[in-house]
Amino acid sequence: MTLKLYKNKSANNVVFKDLQQIGQDLNGVLREECSVMNPVITIEIDNPTNCNYVQIVEFNRYYYITDMVSIRNNI
């Protein structure tokens, strides 16, 4: 699936967000069966701490990044 990572500079309750795209579009993989509301995705990225918002193109939805877990180098 295609992911677009962003830095959200707006408050969470603002409808029209001030977004800055971070890097190129990424390919991600669902880690297991999950809901559309709370997906868990594996990606490979050097510095994920710059991102706090993501668009999953195939779901046509945006999500706040609430947790990051490092599995191994850059994953």
Protein backbone atom coordinates (compact mmCIF):
# COMPACT_ATOMS: atom_id res chain seq x y z
CA MET A 1 0.00 0.00 0.00
CA THR A 2 1.12 3.56 -0.65
CA LEU A 3 1.82 5.84 2.30
CA LYS A 4 2.38 9.59 2.34
CA LEU A 5 4.06 10.78 5.54
CA TYR A 6 3.46 14.29 6.85
CA LYS A 7 4.41 16.67 9.61
CA ASN A 8 1.11 18.11 10.88
CA LYS A 9 1.70 21.64 12.17
CA SER A 10 -1.95 22.19 13.18
CA ALA A 11 -3.84 21.35 16.33
CA ASN A 12 -5.64 18.01 16.24
CA ASN A 13 -9.08 19.61 16.12
CA VAL A 14 -8.35 21.81 13.06
CA VAL A 15 -10.20 20.61 9.94
CA PHE A 16 -7.91 22.09 7.26
CA LYS A 17 -4.50 20.90 8.41
CA ASP A 18 -1.18 22.64 7.75
CA LEU A 19 0.71 19.62 6.37
CA GLN A 20 4.29 19.32 5.15
CA GLN A 21 5.03 16.10 3.26
CA ILE A 22 8.13 14.31 4.56
CA GLY A 23 10.13 12.54 1.84
CA GLN A 24 8.83 10.41 -0.99
CA ASP A 25 5.79 8.15 -1.01
CA LEU A 26 6.52 4.85 0.73
CA ASN A 27 5.32 1.29 0.31
CA GLY A 28 3.98 -0.28 3.49
CA VAL A 29 2.72 -3.72 4.48
CA LEU A 30 -0.04 -4.51 6.95
CA ARG A 31 1.50 -6.47 9.80
CA GLU A 32 -1.60 -8.53 10.48
CA GLU A 33 -5.33 -8.38 10.04
CA CYS A 34 -6.51 -5.04 11.36
CA SER A 35 -9.32 -2.56 11.15
CA VAL A 36 -9.39 0.43 8.82
CA MET A 37 -9.70 2.61 11.93
CA ASN A 38 -6.45 1.41 13.61
CA PRO A 39 -4.08 -0.14 11.04
CA VAL A 40 -0.64 -1.45 12.02
CA ILE A 41 1.83 -1.03 9.16
CA THR A 42 5.47 -1.97 8.60
CA ILE A 43 7.61 0.50 6.66
CA GLU A 44 11.30 1.06 6.08
CA ILE A 45 12.40 4.63 6.85
CA ASP A 46 15.58 6.26 8.19
CA ASN A 47 14.06 8.77 10.63
CA PRO A 48 10.35 8.29 11.38
CA THR A 49 10.34 10.74 14.29
CA ASN A 50 9.80 13.68 11.89
CA CYS A 51 6.33 12.37 10.98
CA ASN A 52 3.13 12.57 13.00
CA TYR A 53 0.46 12.14 10.31
CA VAL A 54 0.04 9.66 7.43
CA GLN A 55 -2.22 9.14 4.45
CA ILE A 56 -2.93 5.59 3.31
CA VAL A 57 -3.84 6.10 -0.33
CA GLU A 58 -5.64 2.78 -0.81
CA PHE A 59 -7.89 3.45 2.21
CA ASN A 60 -8.41 7.10 1.14
CA ARG A 61 -7.90 8.03 4.80
CA TYR A 62 -5.54 10.07 6.99
CA TYR A 63 -4.29 8.94 10.40
CA TYR A 64 -2.40 10.41 13.33
CA ILE A 65 0.70 8.37 14.09
CA THR A 66 0.24 7.40 17.73
CA ASP A 67 2.98 4.81 18.25
CA MET A 68 6.20 3.68 16.57
CA VAL A 69 8.02 0.43 17.25
CA SER A 70 11.43 -0.40 15.83
CA ILE A 71 11.70 -4.04 14.76
CA ARG A 72 15.25 -3.81 13.37
CA ASN A 73 17.38 -1.23 11.51
CA ASN A 74 15.08 1.25 9.73
CA ILE A 75 11.97 -1.02 10.00
